[in-house]
Every structure is written in structure tokens, then in C-alpha cells.
Amino acid sequence: MTKKVDSGARFFQTQAVFDRQVLERFMEAIEPMQVPVIAGVLLVRSANMARFLNDNIPGVQMPQALVERLENAADPMAEGIEIARETVAWARELCQGVHLMTLGHEDKIPAILKD
């Protein structure tokens, strides 16, 4: 990442993050570079989608506890919105912004950003 900064990168944007500790470690590692970070927050709509991400998208790992929340939810979309809300809340404490990825469900953004 130092090469990226030396080549002119002015910020970093993460892939979808689901684990606060992972983002904390990343932020600690790049702190000396003093580069803003935008955290990727993905609306995961179902346990099947979560399993697909875990199995097929390198670098993206949704913790099993969150997969189980989606699996056990009466309304998985509502649970996914809640997980995204929680993620936005802690990501905003750690970095300079968030990038919401709703994959065709932009109408859910107000619910995700609701305090």
C-alpha cells in the first residue's frame, strides 16, 4: 500500500467489511500513511448470499454469527438492513467514511442510515 500512496493514492476504499476487529487492524496498519479510508458496507439480504460471499469472493468474509442472524431471521432483508446499520455505526468511528453497496436496493439506504 505504500507503493500506492507513493504513486499518488489519496484514499483507500475497502471491500465489504463485516468484522470490526479486522477493520481496526487495517486502520492501525495504515495509520503511519495518514491516508483516509472509506469502508465498504454491503447490504446482505440472505444467509444464502452471505454463504456465497464467503465461498466465492476473495477477501470478503462474513462472520458465522452474522450468517446465523440472517438464517434465523423472520425477515432476512430487515435483518440485513440492521446488520448494515450496525456496520455503518462502528465503521464511522474507525474511518473517514463508508461506501454503501446495496446492489439494486438503493431504496433501503435511508433505513440503513437511520439513527
PDB file of N, CA and C in Angstrom:
ATOM      1  N   MET A   1       0.814  -1.188   0.000  1.00  0.00           N
ATOM      2  CA  MET A   1       0.000   0.000   0.000  1.00  0.00           C
ATOM      3  C   MET A   1       0.858   1.252   0.000  1.00  0.00           C
ATOM      4  N   THR A   2       2.053   1.119   0.533  1.00  0.00           N
ATOM      5  CA  THR A   2       2.965   2.259   0.495  1.00  0.00           C
ATOM      6  C   THR A   2       3.227   2.674  -0.947  1.00  0.00           C
ATOM      7  N   LYS A   3       3.377   1.686  -1.840  1.00  0.00           N
ATOM      8  CA  LYS A   3       3.594   1.995  -3.256  1.00  0.00           C
ATOM      9  C   LYS A   3       2.415   2.772  -3.829  1.00  0.00           C
ATOM     10  N   LYS A   4       1.217   2.408  -3.413  1.00  0.00           N
ATOM     11  CA  LYS A   4       0.028   3.102  -3.909  1.00  0.00           C
ATOM     12  C   LYS A   4       0.031   4.559  -3.457  1.00  0.00           C
ATOM     13  N   VAL A   5       0.368   4.772  -2.196  1.00  0.00           N
ATOM     14  CA  VAL A   5       0.433   6.142  -1.675  1.00  0.00           C
ATOM     15  C   VAL A   5       1.541   6.914  -2.389  1.00  0.00           C
ATOM     16  N   ASP A   6       2.696   6.271  -2.554  1.00  0.00           N
ATOM     17  CA  ASP A   6       3.810   6.923  -3.248  1.00  0.00           C
ATOM     18  C   ASP A   6       3.465   7.247  -4.702  1.00  0.00           C
ATOM     19  N   SER A   7       2.550   6.465  -5.279  1.00  0.00           N
ATOM     20  CA  SER A   7       2.132   6.687  -6.668  1.00  0.00           C
ATOM     21  C   SER A   7       0.985   7.686  -6.778  1.00  0.00           C
ATOM     22  N   GLY A   8       0.517   8.194  -5.631  1.00  0.00           N
ATOM     23  CA  GLY A   8      -0.498   9.239  -5.668  1.00  0.00           C
ATOM     24  C   GLY A   8      -1.855   8.892  -5.093  1.00  0.00           C
ATOM     25  N   ALA A   9      -2.017   7.691  -4.547  1.00  0.00           N
ATOM     26  CA  ALA A   9      -3.311   7.351  -3.939  1.00  0.00           C
ATOM     27  C   ALA A   9      -3.610   8.340  -2.820  1.00  0.00           C
ATOM     28  N   ARG A  10      -4.833   8.854  -2.812  1.00  0.00           N
ATOM     29  CA  ARG A  10      -5.217   9.849  -1.808  1.00  0.00           C
ATOM     30  C   ARG A  10      -6.172   9.292  -0.769  1.00  0.00           C
ATOM     31  N   PHE A  11      -6.689   8.089  -1.014  1.00  0.00           N
ATOM     32  CA  PHE A  11      -7.543   7.412  -0.042  1.00  0.00           C
ATOM     33  C   PHE A  11      -7.570   5.931  -0.379  1.00  0.00           C
ATOM     34  N   PHE A  12      -8.008   5.135   0.581  1.00  0.00           N
ATOM     35  CA  PHE A  12      -8.231   3.707   0.364  1.00  0.00           C
ATOM     36  C   PHE A  12      -9.704   3.420   0.555  1.00  0.00           C
ATOM     37  N   GLN A  13     -10.208   2.518  -0.256  1.00  0.00           N
ATOM     38  CA  GLN A  13     -11.581   2.036  -0.103  1.00  0.00           C
ATOM     39  C   GLN A  13     -11.504   0.533   0.099  1.00  0.00           C
ATOM     40  N   THR A  14     -12.135   0.047   1.159  1.00  0.00           N
ATOM     41  CA  THR A  14     -12.074  -1.380   1.458  1.00  0.00           C
ATOM     42  C   THR A  14     -13.129  -2.149   0.678  1.00  0.00           C
ATOM     43  N   GLN A  15     -12.932  -3.457   0.637  1.00  0.00           N
ATOM     44  CA  GLN A  15     -14.006  -4.331   0.202  1.00  0.00           C
ATOM     45  C   GLN A  15     -15.049  -4.318   1.317  1.00  0.00           C
ATOM     46  N   ALA A  16     -16.099  -5.083   1.133  1.00  0.00           N
ATOM     47  CA  ALA A  16     -17.127  -5.171   2.174  1.00  0.00           C
ATOM     48  C   ALA A  16     -16.498  -5.658   3.476  1.00  0.00           C
ATOM     49  N   VAL A  17     -16.778  -4.939   4.553  1.00  0.00           N
ATOM     50  CA  VAL A  17     -16.283  -5.333   5.872  1.00  0.00           C
ATOM     51  C   VAL A  17     -17.468  -5.709   6.757  1.00  0.00           C
ATOM     52  N   PHE A  18     -17.250  -6.734   7.572  1.00  0.00           N
ATOM     53  CA  PHE A  18     -18.295  -7.205   8.483  1.00  0.00           C
ATOM     54  C   PHE A  18     -17.770  -7.381   9.900  1.00  0.00           C
ATOM     55  N   ASP A  19     -16.471  -7.225  10.082  1.00  0.00           N
ATOM     56  CA  ASP A  19     -15.833  -7.521  11.360  1.00  0.00           C
ATOM     57  C   ASP A  19     -15.055  -6.290  11.819  1.00  0.00           C
ATOM     58  N   ARG A  20     -15.503  -5.716  12.920  1.00  0.00           N
ATOM     59  CA  ARG A  20     -14.868  -4.504  13.444  1.00  0.00           C
ATOM     60  C   ARG A  20     -13.379  -4.713  13.704  1.00  0.00           C
ATOM     61  N   GLN A  21     -13.014  -5.854  14.273  1.00  0.00           N
ATOM     62  CA  GLN A  21     -11.608  -6.097  14.601  1.00  0.00           C
ATOM     63  C   GLN A  21     -10.732  -6.129  13.352  1.00  0.00           C
ATOM     64  N   VAL A  22     -11.250  -6.664  12.272  1.00  0.00           N
ATOM     65  CA  VAL A  22     -10.494  -6.684  11.015  1.00  0.00           C
ATOM     66  C   VAL A  22     -10.239  -5.255  10.543  1.00  0.00           C
ATOM     67  N   LEU A  23     -11.265  -4.415  10.583  1.00  0.00           N
ATOM     68  CA  LEU A  23     -11.089  -3.022  10.167  1.00  0.00           C
ATOM     69  C   LEU A  23     -10.168  -2.277  11.127  1.00  0.00           C
ATOM     70  N   GLU A  24     -10.271  -2.553  12.415  1.00  0.00           N
ATOM     71  CA  GLU A  24      -9.376  -1.913  13.383  1.00  0.00           C
ATOM     72  C   GLU A  24      -7.918  -2.245  13.075  1.00  0.00           C
ATOM     73  N   ARG A  25      -7.636  -3.523  12.799  1.00  0.00           N
ATOM     74  CA  ARG A  25      -6.257  -3.926  12.481  1.00  0.00           C
ATOM     75  C   ARG A  25      -5.769  -3.238  11.203  1.00  0.00           C
ATOM     76  N   PHE A  26      -6.633  -3.156  10.209  1.00  0.00           N
ATOM     77  CA  PHE A  26      -6.272  -2.483   8.963  1.00  0.00           C
ATOM     78  C   PHE A  26      -5.956  -1.012   9.228  1.00  0.00           C
ATOM     79  N   MET A  27      -6.800  -0.349   9.999  1.00  0.00           N
ATOM     80  CA  MET A  27      -6.594   1.068  10.289  1.00  0.00           C
ATOM     81  C   MET A  27      -5.289   1.290  11.052  1.00  0.00           C
ATOM     82  N   GLU A  28      -4.980   0.404  11.981  1.00  0.00           N
ATOM     83  CA  GLU A  28      -3.714   0.512  12.714  1.00  0.00           C
ATOM     84  C   GLU A  28      -2.529   0.340  11.773  1.00  0.00           C
ATOM     85  N   ALA A  29      -2.639  -0.606  10.848  1.00  0.00           N
ATOM     86  CA  ALA A  29      -1.536  -0.890   9.932  1.00  0.00           C
ATOM     87  C   ALA A  29      -1.245   0.278   8.997  1.00  0.00           C
ATOM     88  N   ILE A  30      -2.280   0.979   8.571  1.00  0.00           N
ATOM     89  CA  ILE A  30      -2.038   2.070   7.616  1.00  0.00           C
ATOM     90  C   ILE A  30      -1.960   3.445   8.274  1.00  0.00           C
ATOM     91  N   GLU A  31      -2.113   3.500   9.578  1.00  0.00           N
ATOM     92  CA  GLU A  31      -2.079   4.787  10.276  1.00  0.00           C
ATOM     93  C   GLU A  31      -0.853   5.629   9.924  1.00  0.00           C
ATOM     94  N   PRO A  32       0.346   5.047   9.853  1.00  0.00           N
ATOM     95  CA  PRO A  32       1.512   5.875   9.518  1.00  0.00           C
ATOM     96  C   PRO A  32       1.420   6.539   8.141  1.00  0.00           C
ATOM     97  N   MET A  33       0.611   5.993   7.249  1.00  0.00           N
ATOM     98  CA  MET A  33       0.480   6.552   5.896  1.00  0.00           C
ATOM     99  C   MET A  33      -0.411   7.788   5.867  1.00  0.00           C
ATOM    100  N   GLN A  34      -1.205   7.990   6.900  1.00  0.00           N
ATOM    101  CA  GLN A  34      -2.115   9.135   7.011  1.00  0.00           C
ATOM    102  C   GLN A  34      -2.956   9.324   5.743  1.00  0.00           C
ATOM    103  N   VAL A  35      -3.628   8.239   5.352  1.00  0.00           N
ATOM    104  CA  VAL A  35      -4.493   8.249   4.177  1.00  0.00           C
ATOM    105  C   VAL A  35      -5.915   7.962   4.641  1.00  0.00           C
ATOM    106  N   PRO A  36      -6.892   8.761   4.215  1.00  0.00           N
ATOM    107  CA  PRO A  36      -8.280   8.486   4.600  1.00  0.00           C
ATOM    108  C   PRO A  36      -8.747   7.123   4.073  1.00  0.00           C
ATOM    109  N   VAL A  37      -9.671   6.535   4.804  1.00  0.00           N
ATOM    110  CA  VAL A  37     -10.217   5.227   4.435  1.00  0.00           C
ATOM    111  C   VAL A  37     -11.734   5.312   4.353  1.00  0.00           C
ATOM    112  N   ILE A  38     -12.266   4.749   3.281  1.00  0.00           N
ATOM    113  CA  ILE A  38     -13.708   4.600   3.111  1.00  0.00           C
ATOM    114  C   ILE A  38     -14.001   3.110   3.232  1.00  0.00           C
ATOM    115  N   ALA A  39     -14.825   2.739   4.199  1.00  0.00           N
ATOM    116  CA  ALA A  39     -15.148   1.330   4.434  1.00  0.00           C
ATOM    117  C   ALA A  39     -16.317   0.900   3.556  1.00  0.00           C
ATOM    118  N   GLY A  40     -16.189  -0.257   2.951  1.00  0.00           N
ATOM    119  CA  GLY A  40     -17.272  -0.820   2.156  1.00  0.00           C
ATOM    120  C   GLY A  40     -18.286  -1.507   3.049  1.00  0.00           C
ATOM    121  N   VAL A  41     -19.549  -1.115   2.933  1.00  0.00           N
ATOM    122  CA  VAL A  41     -20.636  -1.721   3.712  1.00  0.00           C
ATOM    123  C   VAL A  41     -21.636  -2.296   2.718  1.00  0.00           C
ATOM    124  N   LEU A  42     -21.799  -3.603   2.773  1.00  0.00           N
ATOM    125  CA  LEU A  42     -22.650  -4.319   1.829  1.00  0.00           C
ATOM    126  C   LEU A  42     -23.939  -4.758   2.504  1.00  0.00           C
ATOM    127  N   LEU A  43     -25.056  -4.492   1.850  1.00  0.00           N
ATOM    128  CA  LEU A  43     -26.347  -4.995   2.321  1.00  0.00           C
ATOM    129  C   LEU A  43     -26.457  -6.456   1.906  1.00  0.00           C
ATOM    130  N   VAL A  44     -26.390  -7.340   2.874  1.00  0.00           N
ATOM    131  CA  VAL A  44     -26.521  -8.778   2.619  1.00  0.00           C
ATOM    132  C   VAL A  44     -27.961  -9.150   2.936  1.00  0.00           C
ATOM    133  N   ARG A  45     -28.651  -9.664   1.932  1.00  0.00           N
ATOM    134  CA  ARG A  45     -30.098  -9.860   2.017  1.00  0.00           C
ATOM    135  C   ARG A  45     -30.531 -11.236   2.494  1.00  0.00           C
ATOM    136  N   SER A  46     -29.606 -12.176   2.582  1.00  0.00           N
ATOM    137  CA  SER A  46     -30.000 -13.530   2.985  1.00  0.00           C
ATOM    138  C   SER A  46     -28.777 -14.314   3.431  1.00  0.00           C
ATOM    139  N   ALA A  47     -29.028 -15.407   4.137  1.00  0.00           N
ATOM    140  CA  ALA A  47     -27.937 -16.292   4.539  1.00  0.00           C
ATOM    141  C   ALA A  47     -27.288 -16.914   3.307  1.00  0.00           C
ATOM    142  N   ASN A  48     -28.077 -17.219   2.286  1.00  0.00           N
ATOM    143  CA  ASN A  48     -27.507 -17.777   1.053  1.00  0.00           C
ATOM    144  C   ASN A  48     -26.537 -16.797   0.404  1.00  0.00           C
ATOM    145  N   MET A  49     -26.890 -15.528   0.391  1.00  0.00           N
ATOM    146  CA  MET A  49     -25.997 -14.516  -0.163  1.00  0.00           C
ATOM    147  C   MET A  49     -24.713 -14.446   0.660  1.00  0.00           C
ATOM    148  N   ALA A  50     -24.841 -14.509   1.976  1.00  0.00           N
ATOM    149  CA  ALA A  50     -23.672 -14.472   2.858  1.00  0.00           C
ATOM    150  C   ALA A  50     -22.757 -15.660   2.584  1.00  0.00           C
ATOM    151  N   ARG A  51     -23.332 -16.839   2.445  1.00  0.00           N
ATOM    152  CA  ARG A  51     -22.526 -18.031   2.164  1.00  0.00           C
ATOM    153  C   ARG A  51     -21.838 -17.912   0.799  1.00  0.00           C
ATOM    154  N   PHE A  52     -22.545 -17.361  -0.178  1.00  0.00           N
ATOM    155  CA  PHE A  52     -21.944 -17.154  -1.495  1.00  0.00           C
ATOM    156  C   PHE A  52     -20.732 -16.227  -1.388  1.00  0.00           C
ATOM    157  N   LEU A  53     -20.880 -15.132  -0.670  1.00  0.00           N
ATOM    158  CA  LEU A  53     -19.766 -14.202  -0.482  1.00  0.00           C
ATOM    159  C   LEU A  53     -18.581 -14.915   0.152  1.00  0.00           C
ATOM    160  N   ASN A  54     -18.848 -15.645   1.229  1.00  0.00           N
ATOM    161  CA  ASN A  54     -17.780 -16.331   1.947  1.00  0.00           C
ATOM    162  C   ASN A  54     -17.069 -17.355   1.073  1.00  0.00           C
ATOM    163  N   ASP A  55     -17.809 -18.015   0.208  1.00  0.00           N
ATOM    164  CA  ASP A  55     -17.240 -19.090  -0.611  1.00  0.00           C
ATOM    165  C   ASP A  55     -16.604 -18.604  -1.908  1.00  0.00           C
ATOM    166  N   ASN A  56     -17.019 -17.440  -2.401  1.00  0.00           N
ATOM    167  CA  ASN A  56     -16.638 -17.062  -3.762  1.00  0.00           C
ATOM    168  C   ASN A  56     -15.960 -15.713  -3.939  1.00  0.00           C
ATOM    169  N   ILE A  57     -15.970 -14.873  -2.935  1.00  0.00           N
ATOM    170  CA  ILE A  57     -15.387 -13.538  -3.095  1.00  0.00           C
ATOM    171  C   ILE A  57     -14.124 -13.434  -2.235  1.00  0.00           C
ATOM    172  N   PRO A  58     -12.955 -13.496  -2.870  1.00  0.00           N
ATOM    173  CA  PRO A  58     -11.709 -13.416  -2.099  1.00  0.00           C
ATOM    174  C   PRO A  58     -11.638 -12.127  -1.282  1.00  0.00           C
ATOM    175  N   GLY A  59     -11.220 -12.264  -0.043  1.00  0.00           N
ATOM    176  CA  GLY A  59     -11.055 -11.107   0.829  1.00  0.00           C
ATOM    177  C   GLY A  59     -12.307 -10.651   1.540  1.00  0.00           C
ATOM    178  N   VAL A  60     -13.438 -11.281   1.242  1.00  0.00           N
ATOM    179  CA  VAL A  60     -14.694 -10.929   1.910  1.00  0.00           C
ATOM    180  C   VAL A  60     -15.108 -12.113   2.769  1.00  0.00           C
ATOM    181  N   GLN A  61     -15.295 -11.865   4.055  1.00  0.00           N
ATOM    182  CA  GLN A  61     -15.673 -12.929   4.976  1.00  0.00           C
ATOM    183  C   GLN A  61     -16.685 -12.391   5.977  1.00  0.00           C
ATOM    184  N   MET A  62     -17.902 -12.884   5.887  1.00  0.00           N
ATOM    185  CA  MET A  62     -18.940 -12.515   6.845  1.00  0.00           C
ATOM    186  C   MET A  62     -18.864 -13.514   7.998  1.00  0.00           C
ATOM    187  N   PRO A  63     -18.695 -13.038   9.231  1.00  0.00           N
ATOM    188  CA  PRO A  63     -18.612 -13.946  10.376  1.00  0.00           C
ATOM    189  C   PRO A  63     -19.850 -14.840  10.491  1.00  0.00           C
ATOM    190  N   GLN A  64     -19.616 -16.053  10.953  1.00  0.00           N
ATOM    191  CA  GLN A  64     -20.696 -17.036  11.074  1.00  0.00           C
ATOM    192  C   GLN A  64     -21.844 -16.518  11.941  1.00  0.00           C
ATOM    193  N   ALA A  65     -21.539 -15.751  12.963  1.00  0.00           N
ATOM    194  CA  ALA A  65     -22.606 -15.217  13.824  1.00  0.00           C
ATOM    195  C   ALA A  65     -23.572 -14.342  13.026  1.00  0.00           C
ATOM    196  N   LEU A  66     -23.061 -13.579  12.068  1.00  0.00           N
ATOM    197  CA  LEU A  66     -23.933 -12.747  11.240  1.00  0.00           C
ATOM    198  C   LEU A  66     -24.709 -13.591  10.235  1.00  0.00           C
ATOM    199  N   VAL A  67     -24.058 -14.611   9.693  1.00  0.00           N
ATOM    200  CA  VAL A  67     -24.759 -15.531   8.787  1.00  0.00           C
ATOM    201  C   VAL A  67     -25.932 -16.170   9.524  1.00  0.00           C
ATOM    202  N   GLU A  68     -25.694 -16.574  10.765  1.00  0.00           N
ATOM    203  CA  GLU A  68     -26.754 -17.204  11.562  1.00  0.00           C
ATOM    204  C   GLU A  68     -27.884 -16.224  11.864  1.00  0.00           C
ATOM    205  N   ARG A  69     -27.557 -14.969  12.098  1.00  0.00           N
ATOM    206  CA  ARG A  69     -28.618 -13.971  12.302  1.00  0.00           C
ATOM    207  C   ARG A  69     -29.531 -13.907  11.082  1.00  0.00           C
ATOM    208  N   LEU A  70     -28.935 -13.905   9.900  1.00  0.00           N
ATOM    209  CA  LEU A  70     -29.729 -13.878   8.669  1.00  0.00           C
ATOM    210  C   LEU A  70     -30.534 -15.164   8.510  1.00  0.00           C
ATOM    211  N   GLU A  71     -29.901 -16.273   8.828  1.00  0.00           N
ATOM    212  CA  GLU A  71     -30.540 -17.583   8.696  1.00  0.00           C
ATOM    213  C   GLU A  71     -31.756 -17.711   9.607  1.00  0.00           C
ATOM    214  N   ASN A  72     -31.660 -17.171  10.802  1.00  0.00           N
ATOM    215  CA  ASN A  72     -32.714 -17.316  11.807  1.00  0.00           C
ATOM    216  C   ASN A  72     -33.744 -16.187  11.785  1.00  0.00           C
ATOM    217  N   ALA A  73     -33.536 -15.212  10.938  1.00  0.00           N
ATOM    218  CA  ALA A  73     -34.424 -14.045  10.913  1.00  0.00           C
ATOM    219  C   ALA A  73     -35.754 -14.366  10.243  1.00  0.00           C
ATOM    220  N   ALA A  74     -36.818 -13.844  10.825  1.00  0.00           N
ATOM    221  CA  ALA A  74     -38.140 -13.962  10.195  1.00  0.00           C
ATOM    222  C   ALA A  74     -38.159 -13.174   8.889  1.00  0.00           C
ATOM    223  N   ASP A  75     -37.441 -12.051   8.860  1.00  0.00           N
ATOM    224  CA  ASP A  75     -37.345 -11.205   7.669  1.00  0.00           C
ATOM    225  C   ASP A  75     -35.860 -10.951   7.393  1.00  0.00           C
ATOM    226  N   PRO A  76     -35.229 -11.790   6.569  1.00  0.00           N
ATOM    227  CA  PRO A  76     -33.791 -11.641   6.328  1.00  0.00           C
ATOM    228  C   PRO A  76     -33.386 -10.271   5.777  1.00  0.00           C
ATOM    229  N   MET A  77     -34.211  -9.668   4.937  1.00  0.00           N
ATOM    230  CA  MET A  77     -33.871  -8.338   4.414  1.00  0.00           C
ATOM    231  C   MET A  77     -33.805  -7.324   5.552  1.00  0.00           C
ATOM    232  N   ALA A  78     -34.780  -7.349   6.447  1.00  0.00           N
ATOM    233  CA  ALA A  78     -34.776  -6.435   7.593  1.00  0.00           C
ATOM    234  C   ALA A  78     -33.554  -6.685   8.468  1.00  0.00           C
ATOM    235  N   GLU A  79     -33.188  -7.939   8.645  1.00  0.00           N
ATOM    236  CA  GLU A  79     -32.003  -8.269   9.447  1.00  0.00           C
ATOM    237  C   GLU A  79     -30.744  -7.788   8.738  1.00  0.00           C
ATOM    238  N   GLY A  80     -30.700  -7.933   7.417  1.00  0.00           N
ATOM    239  CA  GLY A  80     -29.563  -7.432   6.652  1.00  0.00           C
ATOM    240  C   GLY A  80     -29.419  -5.927   6.773  1.00  0.00           C
ATOM    241  N   ILE A  81     -30.548  -5.228   6.765  1.00  0.00           N
ATOM    242  CA  ILE A  81     -30.525  -3.777   6.958  1.00  0.00           C
ATOM    243  C   ILE A  81     -29.975  -3.448   8.342  1.00  0.00           C
ATOM    244  N   GLU A  82     -30.406  -4.174   9.354  1.00  0.00           N
ATOM    245  CA  GLU A  82     -29.913  -3.937  10.718  1.00  0.00           C
ATOM    246  C   GLU A  82     -28.413  -4.204  10.812  1.00  0.00           C
ATOM    247  N   ILE A  83     -27.946  -5.275  10.197  1.00  0.00           N
ATOM    248  CA  ILE A  83     -26.508  -5.575  10.200  1.00  0.00           C
ATOM    249  C   ILE A  83     -25.745  -4.450   9.502  1.00  0.00           C
ATOM    250  N   ALA A  84     -26.260  -3.973   8.380  1.00  0.00           N
ATOM    251  CA  ALA A  84     -25.608  -2.863   7.674  1.00  0.00           C
ATOM    252  C   ALA A  84     -25.604  -1.603   8.541  1.00  0.00           C
ATOM    253  N   ARG A  85     -26.714  -1.332   9.247  1.00  0.00           N
ATOM    254  CA  ARG A  85     -26.781  -0.162  10.149  1.00  0.00           C
ATOM    255  C   ARG A  85     -25.703  -0.253  11.225  1.00  0.00           C
ATOM    256  N   GLU A  86     -25.593  -1.428  11.830  1.00  0.00           N
ATOM    257  CA  GLU A  86     -24.585  -1.639  12.870  1.00  0.00           C
ATOM    258  C   GLU A  86     -23.178  -1.449  12.303  1.00  0.00           C
ATOM    259  N   THR A  87     -22.955  -1.969  11.113  1.00  0.00           N
ATOM    260  CA  THR A  87     -21.640  -1.859  10.485  1.00  0.00           C
ATOM    261  C   THR A  87     -21.301  -0.402  10.191  1.00  0.00           C
ATOM    262  N   VAL A  88     -22.257   0.344   9.657  1.00  0.00           N
ATOM    263  CA  VAL A  88     -22.035   1.769   9.394  1.00  0.00           C
ATOM    264  C   VAL A  88     -21.661   2.483  10.690  1.00  0.00           C
ATOM    265  N   ALA A  89     -22.351   2.172  11.773  1.00  0.00           N
ATOM    266  CA  ALA A  89     -22.102   2.857  13.050  1.00  0.00           C
ATOM    267  C   ALA A  89     -20.666   2.657  13.518  1.00  0.00           C
ATOM    268  N   TRP A  90     -20.183   1.400  13.533  1.00  0.00           N
ATOM    269  CA  TRP A  90     -18.814   1.213  14.024  1.00  0.00           C
ATOM    270  C   TRP A  90     -17.771   1.595  12.988  1.00  0.00           C
ATOM    271  N   ALA A  91     -18.072   1.456  11.706  1.00  0.00           N
ATOM    272  CA  ALA A  91     -17.106   1.851  10.679  1.00  0.00           C
ATOM    273  C   ALA A  91     -16.876   3.362  10.710  1.00  0.00           C
ATOM    274  N   ARG A  92     -17.930   4.123  10.962  1.00  0.00           N
ATOM    275  CA  ARG A  92     -17.789   5.585  11.018  1.00  0.00           C
ATOM    276  C   ARG A  92     -16.907   6.016  12.184  1.00  0.00           C
ATOM    277  N   GLU A  93     -16.846   5.203  13.232  1.00  0.00           N
ATOM    278  CA  GLU A  93     -15.963   5.512  14.364  1.00  0.00           C
ATOM    279  C   GLU A  93     -14.497   5.287  14.006  1.00  0.00           C
ATOM    280  N   LEU A  94     -14.249   4.401  13.051  1.00  0.00           N
ATOM    281  CA  LEU A  94     -12.884   3.979  12.750  1.00  0.00           C
ATOM    282  C   LEU A  94     -12.264   4.652  11.533  1.00  0.00           C
ATOM    283  N   CYS A  95     -13.083   5.062  10.583  1.00  0.00           N
ATOM    284  CA  CYS A  95     -12.519   5.604   9.351  1.00  0.00           C
ATOM    285  C   CYS A  95     -13.268   6.859   8.915  1.00  0.00           C
ATOM    286  N   GLN A  96     -12.931   7.348   7.756  1.00  0.00           N
ATOM    287  CA  GLN A  96     -13.414   8.664   7.342  1.00  0.00           C
ATOM    288  C   GLN A  96     -14.723   8.641   6.571  1.00  0.00           C
ATOM    289  N   GLY A  97     -15.214   7.484   6.238  1.00  0.00           N
ATOM    290  CA  GLY A  97     -16.478   7.414   5.517  1.00  0.00           C
ATOM    291  C   GLY A  97     -16.853   5.983   5.198  1.00  0.00           C
ATOM    292  N   VAL A  98     -18.031   5.824   4.629  1.00  0.00           N
ATOM    293  CA  VAL A  98     -18.498   4.498   4.224  1.00  0.00           C
ATOM    294  C   VAL A  98     -19.033   4.560   2.796  1.00  0.00           C
ATOM    295  N   HIS A  99     -18.930   3.441   2.130  1.00  0.00           N
ATOM    296  CA  HIS A  99     -19.481   3.273   0.787  1.00  0.00           C
ATOM    297  C   HIS A  99     -20.544   2.192   0.901  1.00  0.00           C
ATOM    298  N   LEU A 100     -21.802   2.594   0.764  1.00  0.00           N
ATOM    299  CA  LEU A 100     -22.908   1.641   0.869  1.00  0.00           C
ATOM    300  C   LEU A 100     -23.102   0.932  -0.460  1.00  0.00           C
ATOM    301  N   MET A 101     -23.097  -0.382  -0.407  1.00  0.00           N
ATOM    302  CA  MET A 101     -23.314  -1.211  -1.591  1.00  0.00           C
ATOM    303  C   MET A 101     -24.609  -1.984  -1.373  1.00  0.00           C
ATOM    304  N   THR A 102     -25.662  -1.543  -2.036  1.00  0.00           N
ATOM    305  CA  THR A 102     -26.974  -2.161  -1.829  1.00  0.00           C
ATOM    306  C   THR A 102     -27.405  -3.033  -3.004  1.00  0.00           C
ATOM    307  N   LEU A 103     -26.623  -3.055  -4.053  1.00  0.00           N
ATOM    308  CA  LEU A 103     -26.827  -3.965  -5.186  1.00  0.00           C
ATOM    309  C   LEU A 103     -28.267  -3.982  -5.693  1.00  0.00           C
ATOM    310  N   GLY A 104     -28.726  -2.819  -6.116  1.00  0.00           N
ATOM    311  CA  GLY A 104     -30.065  -2.726  -6.674  1.00  0.00           C
ATOM    312  C   GLY A 104     -31.153  -2.424  -5.668  1.00  0.00           C
ATOM    313  N   HIS A 105     -30.775  -2.251  -4.421  1.00  0.00           N
ATOM    314  CA  HIS A 105     -31.756  -1.948  -3.370  1.00  0.00           C
ATOM    315  C   HIS A 105     -31.464  -0.576  -2.759  1.00  0.00           C
ATOM    316  N   GLU A 106     -31.260   0.402  -3.639  1.00  0.00           N
ATOM    317  CA  GLU A 106     -30.945   1.750  -3.183  1.00  0.00           C
ATOM    318  C   GLU A 106     -32.047   2.332  -2.312  1.00  0.00           C
ATOM    319  N   ASP A 107     -33.263   1.839  -2.476  1.00  0.00           N
ATOM    320  CA  ASP A 107     -34.377   2.314  -1.652  1.00  0.00           C
ATOM    321  C   ASP A 107     -34.191   1.971  -0.175  1.00  0.00           C
ATOM    322  N   LYS A 108     -33.263   1.080   0.139  1.00  0.00           N
ATOM    323  CA  LYS A 108     -33.005   0.686   1.537  1.00  0.00           C
ATOM    324  C   LYS A 108     -31.987   1.597   2.223  1.00  0.00           C
ATOM    325  N   ILE A 109     -31.331   2.469   1.460  1.00  0.00           N
ATOM    326  CA  ILE A 109     -30.291   3.323   2.041  1.00  0.00           C
ATOM    327  C   ILE A 109     -30.812   4.179   3.193  1.00  0.00           C
ATOM    328  N   PRO A 110     -31.973   4.840   3.087  1.00  0.00           N
ATOM    329  CA  PRO A 110     -32.447   5.623   4.240  1.00  0.00           C
ATOM    330  C   PRO A 110     -32.595   4.781   5.513  1.00  0.00           C
ATOM    331  N   ALA A 111     -33.062   3.553   5.391  1.00  0.00           N
ATOM    332  CA  ALA A 111     -33.211   2.692   6.575  1.00  0.00           C
ATOM    333  C   ALA A 111     -31.850   2.330   7.160  1.00  0.00           C
ATOM    334  N   ILE A 112     -30.861   2.139   6.298  1.00  0.00           N
ATOM    335  CA  ILE A 112     -29.517   1.805   6.775  1.00  0.00           C
ATOM    336  C   ILE A 112     -28.900   2.991   7.506  1.00  0.00           C
ATOM    337  N   LEU A 113     -29.155   4.188   7.034  1.00  0.00           N
ATOM    338  CA  LEU A 113     -28.540   5.385   7.621  1.00  0.00           C
ATOM    339  C   LEU A 113     -29.332   5.982   8.774  1.00  0.00           C
ATOM    340  N   LYS A 114     -30.511   5.438   9.036  1.00  0.00           N
ATOM    341  CA  LYS A 114     -31.350   5.949  10.126  1.00  0.00           C
ATOM    342  C   LYS A 114     -30.637   5.769  11.467  1.00  0.00           C
ATOM    343  N   ASP A 115     -30.649   6.828  12.289  1.00  0.00           N
ATOM    344  CA  ASP A 115     -30.007   6.751  13.618  1.00  0.00           C
ATOM    345  C   ASP A 115     -30.854   5.995  14.595  1.00  0.00           C
TER     346      ASP A 115
END
